[in-house]
Protein backbone atom coordinates (compact mmCIF):
# COMPACT_ATOMS: atom_id res chain seq x y z
CA MET A 1 -22.96 84.73 -29.97
CA LEU A 2 -22.69 88.48 -29.72
CA GLY A 3 -18.70 88.68 -29.47
CA TYR A 4 -19.34 86.83 -33.83
CA MET A 5 -22.24 89.38 -33.71
CA VAL A 6 -20.13 92.37 -33.19
CA GLN A 7 -17.60 90.70 -35.59
CA GLY A 8 -19.95 90.18 -38.66
CA PHE A 9 -21.49 93.67 -38.42
CA GLY A 10 -17.33 95.23 -38.31
CA TYR A 11 -17.19 93.20 -41.70
CA GLY A 12 -19.99 93.51 -42.98
CA PHE A 13 -19.87 97.35 -42.63
CA ALA A 14 -16.36 97.08 -44.28
CA ALA A 15 -17.12 95.04 -46.99
CA ALA A 16 -19.41 97.45 -47.88
CA ALA A 17 -17.42 100.83 -47.98
CA GLU A 18 -13.91 99.20 -49.04
CA PRO A 19 -13.89 100.26 -53.20
CA GLY A 20 -14.43 97.75 -55.29
CA PRO A 21 -15.99 97.25 -58.91
CA PHE A 22 -20.11 96.71 -57.16
CA GLN A 23 -19.44 99.43 -55.27
CA THR A 24 -18.26 101.45 -58.05
CA TYR A 25 -21.09 99.96 -59.96
CA VAL A 26 -23.27 101.24 -57.59
CA ILE A 27 -22.70 104.41 -56.85
CA SER A 28 -21.92 105.37 -60.78
CA GLN A 29 -25.97 103.91 -60.94
CA ALA A 30 -26.70 105.94 -58.11
CA LEU A 31 -25.25 109.11 -59.73
CA SER A 32 -26.67 108.47 -62.99
CA LYS A 33 -30.25 106.99 -62.11
CA GLY A 34 -30.78 108.47 -58.74
CA TRP A 35 -31.32 106.70 -55.59
CA ARG A 36 -34.99 105.06 -55.75
CA ARG A 37 -33.82 102.90 -59.01
CA THR A 38 -30.76 102.05 -57.55
CA LEU A 39 -31.82 101.32 -53.82
CA PRO A 40 -32.93 97.41 -55.03
CA ALA A 41 -29.15 96.79 -55.71
CA ALA A 42 -28.32 96.67 -51.98
CA LEU A 43 -29.87 93.64 -51.72
CA ALA A 44 -28.04 91.95 -54.35
CA PRO A 45 -25.69 90.24 -52.72
CA LEU A 46 -28.46 88.52 -50.40
CA VAL A 47 -28.76 87.05 -53.77
CA SER A 48 -25.60 86.07 -55.13
CA ASP A 49 -23.59 85.27 -52.44
CA GLY A 50 -25.19 81.57 -51.32
CA PRO A 51 -23.81 79.51 -53.80
CA ILE A 52 -20.15 81.54 -52.66
CA ILE A 53 -20.40 80.45 -49.60
CA VAL A 54 -21.44 77.26 -49.51
CA LEU A 55 -18.76 76.26 -52.33
CA VAL A 56 -16.14 78.01 -49.85
CA LEU A 57 -17.71 76.57 -46.46
CA LEU A 58 -17.20 72.83 -48.58
CA VAL A 59 -13.63 73.63 -49.28
CA LEU A 60 -12.83 74.95 -45.86
CA ASN A 61 -14.54 72.59 -44.36
CA GLN A 62 -11.33 69.40 -46.01
CA LEU A 63 -8.72 71.41 -44.96
CA PRO A 64 -7.15 69.74 -41.84
CA ASP A 65 -6.61 72.11 -38.40
CA ALA A 66 -3.10 73.13 -39.00
CA LEU A 67 -4.26 74.70 -42.03
CA HIS A 68 -6.95 76.49 -40.27
CA GLN A 69 -4.73 77.73 -38.40
CA PHE A 70 -2.48 79.20 -41.63
CA LEU A 71 -5.76 80.15 -42.73
CA ASN A 72 -5.84 82.89 -39.53
CA ILE A 73 -2.58 84.35 -40.05
CA ALA A 74 -3.04 84.64 -44.33
CA SER A 75 -6.55 85.58 -43.12
CA GLY A 76 -5.00 88.37 -40.70
CA LEU A 77 -2.26 89.40 -43.25
CA PHE A 78 -5.00 89.95 -45.89
CA ILE A 79 -6.65 91.86 -43.91
CA LEU A 80 -4.69 94.33 -43.15
CA TYR A 81 -3.90 94.67 -46.85
CA LEU A 82 -7.96 95.75 -47.02
CA ALA A 83 -6.63 98.27 -44.50
CA LEU A 84 -4.13 99.53 -46.36
CA ASN A 85 -5.52 99.83 -49.38
CA ALA A 86 -8.75 101.99 -47.54
CA VAL A 87 -6.16 104.01 -46.32
CA LEU A 88 -4.86 104.45 -49.38
CA SER A 89 -8.26 105.46 -50.98
CA TRP A 90 -9.48 107.58 -47.85
CA ARG A 91 -5.92 109.70 -48.61
CA ASP A 92 -5.89 109.66 -52.54
CA TYR A 93 -10.05 110.06 -52.69
CA ALA A 94 -11.54 111.10 -55.92
CA PRO A 95 -15.12 111.42 -56.22
CA VAL A 96 -16.66 108.16 -58.94
CA ALA A 97 -18.05 110.31 -61.73
CA PRO A 98 -21.63 108.78 -63.44
CA VAL A 99 -21.69 106.43 -65.76
CA THR A 100 -24.35 105.75 -68.98
CA PRO A 101 -26.89 103.89 -66.70
CA LEU A 102 -27.53 100.12 -68.25
CA SER A 103 -30.69 99.65 -70.25
CA GLY A 104 -33.37 97.73 -68.52
CA GLN A 105 -34.98 98.13 -65.31
CA GLN A 106 -33.55 95.39 -63.18
CA SER A 107 -31.30 97.09 -61.12
CA LEU A 108 -31.57 94.28 -58.27
CA LEU A 109 -30.64 91.86 -60.79
CA ARG A 110 -27.93 93.43 -62.41
CA ALA A 111 -26.34 94.76 -59.34
CA ALA A 112 -26.30 90.41 -58.59
CA VAL A 113 -24.78 89.85 -61.34
CA MET A 114 -21.78 92.56 -60.95
CA ASN A 115 -20.97 91.26 -57.56
CA ALA A 116 -21.39 87.14 -58.73
CA LEU A 117 -18.27 88.29 -60.84
CA SER A 118 -16.47 90.46 -58.81
CA PRO A 119 -13.49 88.32 -57.24
CA GLY A 120 -14.31 90.26 -54.45
CA PRO A 121 -16.58 88.37 -52.50
CA TYR A 122 -14.77 85.34 -53.09
CA ILE A 123 -11.84 86.38 -51.34
CA PHE A 124 -13.35 87.72 -48.61
CA TRP A 125 -15.36 84.33 -48.29
CA GLY A 126 -12.35 82.34 -48.93
CA LEU A 127 -10.13 84.12 -46.34
CA VAL A 128 -11.82 86.73 -44.16
CA THR A 129 -15.34 85.97 -43.21
CA GLY A 130 -15.59 82.18 -44.16
CA PRO A 131 -13.08 81.07 -41.10
CA VAL A 132 -14.50 83.22 -38.43
CA LEU A 133 -18.06 81.25 -40.20
CA LEU A 134 -16.96 78.07 -40.04
CA ALA A 135 -15.48 78.67 -36.24
CA GLY A 136 -18.66 80.28 -35.05
CA TRP A 137 -20.55 76.84 -36.59
CA ARG A 138 -17.94 74.95 -35.06
CA GLU A 139 -18.85 76.26 -31.48
CA GLY A 140 -23.01 76.18 -31.60
CA PRO A 141 -24.93 77.34 -35.00
CA GLY A 142 -26.21 80.03 -33.63
CA ASN A 143 -22.79 81.75 -33.65
CA ALA A 144 -22.81 81.56 -36.86
CA VAL A 145 -26.35 82.36 -37.75
CA GLY A 146 -25.74 85.54 -35.51
CA PHE A 147 -22.84 85.86 -37.62
CA LEU A 148 -24.33 85.88 -41.03
CA VAL A 149 -27.63 88.18 -39.75
CA ALA A 150 -25.32 91.13 -38.52
CA PHE A 151 -22.85 90.62 -41.31
CA TYR A 152 -25.88 91.67 -43.74
CA ALA A 153 -27.60 93.57 -41.99
CA ALA A 154 -23.89 95.81 -41.94
CA LEU A 155 -23.51 95.43 -45.75
CA VAL A 156 -27.19 95.73 -46.92
CA LEU A 157 -27.34 99.27 -44.42
CA THR A 158 -24.74 100.63 -45.43
CA LEU A 159 -24.61 100.30 -48.85
CA ALA A 160 -27.97 101.22 -49.19
CA GLY A 161 -26.83 105.01 -47.21
CA LEU A 162 -24.28 104.91 -49.85
CA ILE A 163 -26.81 104.60 -52.91
CA LEU A 164 -28.97 107.27 -50.64
CA LEU A 165 -26.30 109.35 -49.92
CA PHE A 166 -24.63 109.65 -53.59
CA GLY A 167 -28.15 109.68 -55.02
CA MET A 168 -29.89 112.45 -52.82
CA ALA A 169 -26.78 114.87 -52.23
CA ARG A 170 -24.16 114.92 -54.73
CA GLN A 171 -21.71 117.44 -52.34
CA LEU A 172 -22.43 115.64 -49.41
CA GLY A 173 -21.96 112.40 -50.34
CA PRO A 174 -18.20 112.06 -51.58
CA LYS A 175 -17.49 113.86 -47.64
CA VAL A 176 -19.47 110.88 -46.10
CA ASN A 177 -17.73 108.24 -48.50
CA ARG A 178 -14.75 109.19 -47.71
CA ALA A 179 -15.38 109.41 -43.68
CA LEU A 180 -16.78 105.90 -44.28
CA LEU A 181 -13.30 105.04 -45.88
CA GLY A 182 -11.88 106.11 -42.88
CA ILE A 183 -13.87 104.00 -40.36
CA SER A 184 -13.60 101.40 -42.86
CA ALA A 185 -9.70 101.34 -42.75
CA LEU A 186 -9.41 100.82 -38.54
CA ALA A 187 -12.38 98.40 -38.66
CA LEU A 188 -10.25 96.80 -41.10
CA LEU A 189 -7.24 97.23 -39.17
CA GLY A 190 -8.67 95.94 -35.68
CA PHE A 191 -9.82 92.56 -37.35
CA GLY A 192 -6.74 92.02 -39.33
CA LEU A 193 -4.85 91.83 -35.93
CA TYR A 194 -7.14 90.14 -34.06
CA GLN A 195 -6.79 87.39 -36.80
CA LEU A 196 -3.30 87.29 -36.63
CA TRP A 197 -2.92 87.23 -32.91
CA LEU A 198 -5.63 84.29 -33.32
CA GLY A 199 -3.80 82.28 -35.93
CA VAL A 200 -0.13 83.21 -34.38
CA SER A 201 -1.20 81.95 -30.50
CA ALA A 202 -2.42 78.91 -31.53
CA TRP A 203 0.64 77.93 -33.80
CA VAL A 204 2.65 78.46 -31.12
CA ALA A 205 0.23 76.69 -28.74
């Protein structure tokens, strides 16, 4: 279980630090509305990801074993692509400009809708975390539970940290976020190479 929890924590951190529409929305809201009103948005993935995970797992569970091996290779290549994007974002990092806040007080609901409409969760669960979660479940339900707990703990805590940083200290926030991008790139690089190794070793065995 520990190995799956380590993977879950790493992927959760990388998912939160990787630039995307949802992260841009959350940071922009923190800059314009403050951390107190934006902080509930860190819980948005807990609201929106459930149906996405169920849908992805139903599809993955119908695939033959040979295709699962191919998915490991595809997952590794995609994670390396994310790592490259993270490196480029780190190199060319520019702070997010504040935007006019949306009307209403439901930060969590708006963020959950934003996350559900973003392609990121579908791609991430389809190519990256979904195969790992399914493999853990087949080895033992405890592995899958540990993976999910660690993933969402890291995801929510990292999002909350970004909201606090950008909401409380605008001068400090961009510097810290750039550092998080660098760490995310390294984590994604390691996981990408690991997934490639799993896929290639299973393919040639």
